[in-house]
C-alpha atoms as a PDB file:
ATOM      1  CA  MET A   1     154.506 -20.069 144.610  1.00  0.00           C
ATOM      2  CA  LYS A   2     152.103 -17.589 146.705  1.00  0.00           C
ATOM      3  CA  MET A   3     152.941 -17.535 150.326  1.00  0.00           C
ATOM      4  CA  ALA A   4     150.339 -17.669 153.126  1.00  0.00           C
ATOM      5  CA  LYS A   5     150.290 -14.472 154.987  1.00  0.00           C
ATOM      6  CA  ALA A   6     149.036 -13.641 158.183  1.00  0.00           C
ATOM      7  CA  TYR A   7     149.358 -10.391 160.816  1.00  0.00           C
ATOM      8  CA  VAL A   8     149.329 -10.974 164.494  1.00  0.00           C
ATOM      9  CA  MET A   9     148.368  -8.366 167.072  1.00  0.00           C
ATOM     10  CA  MET A  10     148.988  -9.091 170.541  1.00  0.00           C
ATOM     11  CA  ASN A  11     149.183  -7.871 174.255  1.00  0.00           C
ATOM     12  CA  CYS A  12     151.973  -8.740 176.543  1.00  0.00           C
ATOM     13  CA  ASP A  13     153.408  -8.016 179.784  1.00  0.00           C
ATOM     14  CA  LEU A  14     154.494  -4.082 180.700  1.00  0.00           C
ATOM     15  CA  GLY A  15     157.821  -3.669 179.794  1.00  0.00           C
ATOM     16  CA  SER A  16     158.451  -7.003 178.081  1.00  0.00           C
ATOM     17  CA  GLU A  17     157.904  -5.649 174.496  1.00  0.00           C
ATOM     18  CA  LYS A  18     161.626  -5.311 173.609  1.00  0.00           C
ATOM     19  CA  GLU A  19     162.505  -8.877 174.841  1.00  0.00           C
ATOM     20  CA  ILE A  20     159.317 -10.378 172.814  1.00  0.00           C
ATOM     21  CA  ILE A  21     159.944  -8.540 169.711  1.00  0.00           C
ATOM     22  CA  ALA A  22     163.887 -10.156 169.756  1.00  0.00           C
ATOM     23  CA  SER A  23     162.376 -13.572 170.519  1.00  0.00           C
ATOM     24  CA  LEU A  24     159.718 -13.020 167.707  1.00  0.00           C
ATOM     25  CA  LYS A  25     162.251 -12.051 165.217  1.00  0.00           C
ATOM     26  CA  LYS A  26     164.183 -15.002 165.816  1.00  0.00           C
ATOM     27  CA  ILE A  27     161.050 -17.224 164.477  1.00  0.00           C
ATOM     28  CA  ASN A  28     161.674 -18.398 161.025  1.00  0.00           C
ATOM     29  CA  CYS A  29     158.558 -16.957 159.420  1.00  0.00           C
ATOM     30  CA  VAL A  30     158.495 -13.706 160.968  1.00  0.00           C
ATOM     31  CA  ARG A  31     158.921 -11.038 158.450  1.00  0.00           C
ATOM     32  CA  GLU A  32     158.064  -7.853 160.717  1.00  0.00           C
ATOM     33  CA  ALA A  33     157.954  -7.421 164.214  1.00  0.00           C
ATOM     34  CA  HIS A  34     156.759  -4.037 165.892  1.00  0.00           C
ATOM     35  CA  GLY A  35     155.822  -2.581 169.231  1.00  0.00           C
ATOM     36  CA  THR A  36     152.768  -0.283 168.917  1.00  0.00           C
ATOM     37  CA  LEU A  37     150.660   2.294 170.297  1.00  0.00           C
ATOM     38  CA  GLY A  38     146.897   1.726 170.960  1.00  0.00           C
ATOM     39  CA  LEU A  39     144.752  -1.334 171.363  1.00  0.00           C
ATOM     40  CA  TYR A  40     147.642  -3.671 170.947  1.00  0.00           C
ATOM     41  CA  ASP A  41     151.081  -3.804 172.330  1.00  0.00           C
ATOM     42  CA  LEU A  42     152.898  -5.549 169.252  1.00  0.00           C
ATOM     43  CA  VAL A  43     151.796  -6.514 165.699  1.00  0.00           C
ATOM     44  CA  ILE A  44     153.741  -8.687 163.512  1.00  0.00           C
ATOM     45  CA  GLN A  45     153.520  -9.985 159.957  1.00  0.00           C
ATOM     46  CA  ILE A  46     154.286 -13.897 159.148  1.00  0.00           C
ATOM     47  CA  GLU A  47     154.967 -15.595 155.683  1.00  0.00           C
ATOM     48  CA  SER A  48     154.869 -19.580 155.075  1.00  0.00           C
ATOM     49  CA  SER A  49     154.139 -21.381 152.517  1.00  0.00           C
ATOM     50  CA  SER A  50     150.748 -22.762 153.825  1.00  0.00           C
ATOM     51  CA  ASP A  51     148.114 -21.477 156.080  1.00  0.00           C
ATOM     52  CA  LYS A  52     148.582 -24.822 158.181  1.00  0.00           C
ATOM     53  CA  ASP A  53     152.133 -23.768 159.088  1.00  0.00           C
ATOM     54  CA  LEU A  54     151.009 -20.223 159.932  1.00  0.00           C
ATOM     55  CA  GLN A  55     148.326 -21.663 162.150  1.00  0.00           C
ATOM     56  CA  GLU A  56     150.956 -23.804 163.737  1.00  0.00           C
ATOM     57  CA  ILE A  57     153.269 -20.915 164.373  1.00  0.00           C
ATOM     58  CA  VAL A  58     150.655 -18.982 166.093  1.00  0.00           C
ATOM     59  CA  THR A  59     149.053 -21.528 168.074  1.00  0.00           C
ATOM     60  CA  GLY A  60     152.373 -23.719 168.707  1.00  0.00           C
ATOM     61  CA  VAL A  61     154.671 -20.675 169.504  1.00  0.00           C
ATOM     62  CA  ILE A  62     153.815 -17.537 169.712  1.00  0.00           C
ATOM     63  CA  ARG A  63     150.704 -18.036 172.135  1.00  0.00           C
ATOM     64  CA  LYS A  64     152.909 -20.356 174.078  1.00  0.00           C
ATOM     65  CA  MET A  65     155.496 -17.460 174.528  1.00  0.00           C
ATOM     66  CA  PRO A  66     155.090 -16.752 178.489  1.00  0.00           C
ATOM     67  CA  LYS A  67     154.863 -12.974 178.495  1.00  0.00           C
ATOM     68  CA  ILE A  68     151.886 -13.037 175.734  1.00  0.00           C
ATOM     69  CA  HIS A  69     148.348 -12.764 176.814  1.00  0.00           C
ATOM     70  CA  SER A  70     146.450 -12.690 173.977  1.00  0.00           C
ATOM     71  CA  THR A  71     146.539 -12.483 170.172  1.00  0.00           C
ATOM     72  CA  VAL A  72     144.365 -11.618 167.342  1.00  0.00           C
ATOM     73  CA  THR A  73     145.107 -13.120 163.915  1.00  0.00           C
ATOM     74  CA  LEU A  74     144.083 -11.712 160.708  1.00  0.00           C
ATOM     75  CA  THR A  75     144.824 -14.339 157.726  1.00  0.00           C
ATOM     76  CA  ARG A  76     145.189 -12.705 154.158  1.00  0.00           C
ATOM     77  CA  SER A  77     142.910 -13.033 151.689  1.00  0.00           C
ATOM     78  CA  GLU A  78     144.302 -12.254 148.448  1.00  0.00           C
ATOM     79  CA  SER A  79     145.565  -8.845 147.779  1.00  0.00           C
ATOM     80  CA  GLY A  80     146.636  -9.147 144.033  1.00  0.00           C
ATOM     81  CA  GLU A  81     149.566  -7.378 142.922  1.00  0.00           C
ATOM     82  CA  LEU A  82     148.627  -3.907 143.919  1.00  0.00           C
ATOM     83  CA  PHE A  83     151.411  -3.370 146.308  1.00  0.00           C
ATOM     84  CA  GLN A  84     154.203  -5.098 144.390  1.00  0.00           C
ATOM     85  CA  THR A  85     155.546  -1.761 142.955  1.00  0.00           C
ATOM     86  CA  SER A  86     159.391  -1.325 143.611  1.00  0.00           C
ATOM     87  CA  GLU A  87     159.292   2.297 143.878  1.00  0.00           C
ATOM     88  CA  LYS A  88     156.996   1.684 147.395  1.00  0.00           C
ATOM     89  CA  LEU A  89     160.254  -0.391 148.515  1.00  0.00           C
ATOM     90  CA  ILE A  90     162.789   1.963 147.714  1.00  0.00           C
ATOM     91  CA  GLY A  91     161.605   4.577 150.363  1.00  0.00           C
ATOM     92  CA  MET A  92     161.457   1.988 153.029  1.00  0.00           C
ATOM     93  CA  MET A  93     165.006   0.460 151.976  1.00  0.00           C
ATOM     94  CA  LEU A  94     166.583   3.923 152.129  1.00  0.00           C
ATOM     95  CA  GLY A  95     165.205   4.389 155.567  1.00  0.00           C
ATOM     96  CA  GLN A  96     163.617   7.856 154.930  1.00  0.00           C
ATOM     97  CA  ASN A  97     160.791   6.980 156.665  1.00  0.00           C
ATOM     98  CA  ASN A  98     160.549   7.904 160.544  1.00  0.00           C
ATOM     99  CA  ALA A  99     157.011   7.388 160.922  1.00  0.00           C
ATOM    100  CA  GLN A 100     155.002   3.858 160.479  1.00  0.00           C
ATOM    101  CA  ALA A 101     151.755   2.872 161.396  1.00  0.00           C
ATOM    102  CA  TYR A 102     149.242  -0.267 160.704  1.00  0.00           C
ATOM    103  CA  VAL A 103     145.844   0.704 160.448  1.00  0.00           C
ATOM    104  CA  VAL A 104     143.153  -2.232 160.591  1.00  0.00           C
ATOM    105  CA  ILE A 105     139.794  -1.052 158.906  1.00  0.00           C
ATOM    106  CA  HIS A 106     136.386  -2.180 158.881  1.00  0.00           C
ATOM    107  CA  CYS A 107     134.490  -1.320 155.439  1.00  0.00           C
ATOM    108  CA  ASP A 108     130.969  -1.637 154.098  1.00  0.00           C
ATOM    109  CA  LYS A 109     130.508  -5.380 153.327  1.00  0.00           C
ATOM    110  CA  GLY A 110     131.704  -6.462 149.654  1.00  0.00           C
ATOM    111  CA  GLU A 111     134.172  -3.441 149.384  1.00  0.00           C
ATOM    112  CA  GLU A 112     137.287  -5.073 150.646  1.00  0.00           C
ATOM    113  CA  TYR A 113     138.902  -5.284 147.345  1.00  0.00           C
ATOM    114  CA  PRO A 114     137.601  -1.617 145.976  1.00  0.00           C
ATOM    115  CA  THR A 115     139.226  -0.573 149.443  1.00  0.00           C
ATOM    116  CA  LEU A 116     142.515  -2.272 148.864  1.00  0.00           C
ATOM    117  CA  LYS A 117     142.781  -0.555 145.149  1.00  0.00           C
ATOM    118  CA  ASN A 118     141.764   2.712 146.767  1.00  0.00           C
ATOM    119  CA  LEU A 119     144.652   2.196 149.229  1.00  0.00           C
ATOM    120  CA  SER A 120     146.957   1.357 146.807  1.00  0.00           C
ATOM    121  CA  HIS A 121     146.863   4.665 144.976  1.00  0.00           C
ATOM    122  CA  ILE A 122     148.229   6.463 148.658  1.00  0.00           C
ATOM    123  CA  PRO A 123     151.647   6.823 148.091  1.00  0.00           C
ATOM    124  CA  GLU A 124     152.390   6.193 151.971  1.00  0.00           C
ATOM    125  CA  VAL A 125     150.463   3.016 151.998  1.00  0.00           C
ATOM    126  CA  LYS A 126     153.351   0.702 151.562  1.00  0.00           C
ATOM    127  CA  GLU A 127     151.299  -2.888 152.087  1.00  0.00           C
ATOM    128  CA  ALA A 128     147.506  -3.506 152.425  1.00  0.00           C
ATOM    129  CA  ASP A 129     145.950  -6.866 152.365  1.00  0.00           C
ATOM    130  CA  VAL A 130     142.061  -8.024 152.296  1.00  0.00           C
ATOM    131  CA  VAL A 131     141.991 -10.106 155.623  1.00  0.00           C
ATOM    132  CA  PHE A 132     140.147 -12.573 157.423  1.00  0.00           C
ATOM    133  CA  GLY A 133     139.207 -12.115 161.222  1.00  0.00           C
ATOM    134  CA  PHE A 134     138.334  -9.203 162.980  1.00  0.00           C
ATOM    135  CA  TYR A 135     138.994  -6.716 160.823  1.00  0.00           C
ATOM    136  CA  ASP A 136     138.422  -6.461 156.903  1.00  0.00           C
ATOM    137  CA  VAL A 137     141.763  -4.949 155.484  1.00  0.00           C
ATOM    138  CA  ILE A 138     145.106  -3.990 156.883  1.00  0.00           C
ATOM    139  CA  CYS A 139     147.327  -1.750 155.843  1.00  0.00           C
ATOM    140  CA  LYS A 140     150.866  -0.506 156.502  1.00  0.00           C
ATOM    141  CA  VAL A 141     151.764   3.451 156.265  1.00  0.00           C
ATOM    142  CA  ASP A 142     155.356   4.797 156.275  1.00  0.00           C
ATOM    143  CA  ALA A 143     156.072   8.776 156.160  1.00  0.00           C
ATOM    144  CA  SER A 144     158.571  10.891 156.770  1.00  0.00           C
ATOM    145  CA  ASP A 145     157.393  12.112 159.859  1.00  0.00           C
ATOM    146  CA  ASP A 146     154.670  11.919 162.503  1.00  0.00           C
ATOM    147  CA  LYS A 147     152.645  14.742 160.950  1.00  0.00           C
ATOM    148  CA  THR A 148     152.607  13.178 157.374  1.00  0.00           C
ATOM    149  CA  LEU A 149     151.797  10.086 158.830  1.00  0.00           C
ATOM    150  CA  GLU A 150     148.625  11.420 160.989  1.00  0.00           C
ATOM    151  CA  ASN A 151     147.509  13.580 157.431  1.00  0.00           C
ATOM    152  CA  VAL A 152     147.821  10.543 155.442  1.00  0.00           C
ATOM    153  CA  ILE A 153     145.664   8.551 157.946  1.00  0.00           C
ATOM    154  CA  THR A 154     142.742  11.205 158.914  1.00  0.00           C
ATOM    155  CA  LYS A 155     142.810  12.950 155.490  1.00  0.00           C
ATOM    156  CA  ALA A 156     143.584  10.276 153.088  1.00  0.00           C
ATOM    157  CA  ILE A 157     142.790   6.752 154.384  1.00  0.00           C
ATOM    158  CA  ARG A 158     140.035   7.679 156.591  1.00  0.00           C
ATOM    159  CA  ALA A 159     138.221   9.669 153.638  1.00  0.00           C
ATOM    160  CA  LEU A 160     138.127   6.625 151.331  1.00  0.00           C
ATOM    161  CA  PRO A 161     134.463   5.601 150.536  1.00  0.00           C
ATOM    162  CA  HIS A 162     133.090   2.868 152.077  1.00  0.00           C
ATOM    163  CA  ILE A 163     135.519   2.612 155.378  1.00  0.00           C
ATOM    164  CA  LYS A 164     133.119   2.548 158.456  1.00  0.00           C
ATOM    165  CA  THR A 165     135.738   2.608 161.448  1.00  0.00           C
ATOM    166  CA  SER A 166     139.686   2.311 161.888  1.00  0.00           C
ATOM    167  CA  MET A 167     142.105   1.663 164.237  1.00  0.00           C
ATOM    168  CA  THR A 168     145.550   3.110 164.171  1.00  0.00           C
ATOM    169  CA  LEU A 169     148.708   1.167 165.559  1.00  0.00           C
ATOM    170  CA  ASN A 170     151.573   3.239 165.526  1.00  0.00           C
ATOM    171  CA  VAL A 171     154.799   1.742 165.487  1.00  0.00           C
ATOM    172  CA  ILE A 172     157.405   2.288 168.387  1.00  0.00           C
ATOM    173  CA  ASN A 173     160.834   2.524 166.673  1.00  0.00           C
ATOM    174  CA  GLU A 174     162.522   2.783 169.992  1.00  0.00           C
ATOM    175  CA  GLN A 175     161.670  -0.700 170.605  1.00  0.00           C
ATOM    176  CA  GLU A 176     163.326  -2.188 167.641  1.00  0.00           C
ATOM    177  CA  SER A 177     166.550  -3.858 168.716  1.00  0.00           C
END
């Protein structure tokens, strides 16, 4: 069965990131929770059996957490099976990648799926989804170091055709508990 999936980017009280990440990770459907540098303080990935469940988790649990001020939810459209390849997961499981970021992308109208396909050819892009919401595509990038991460984002992702704008949210590993 295909799981419903969403990404939630949020802003919170300064200094409460670590505590909120720990609380978010206790929520049943939260697959990942990270502190980030950029426009948002935190980004999480949630999966559930239905879009209705996801909506209830975001509105009924996450948005009611006292130190969270605002959220932007990006709900996955279909991503196909482009990012199910096992070799992309091996690097993550071995923990070789010290630099991670989420990149949210605005692309030309109708070019979301070609953009997803192009992203699937970049080895450091471990996951990507076409999403509904403020952005068109979101991807997760894992690299061995910050310089490699920067090069992948600036020279590979941003150089793809049909990308109008992108925003990078660098993961802050120190906030993981």
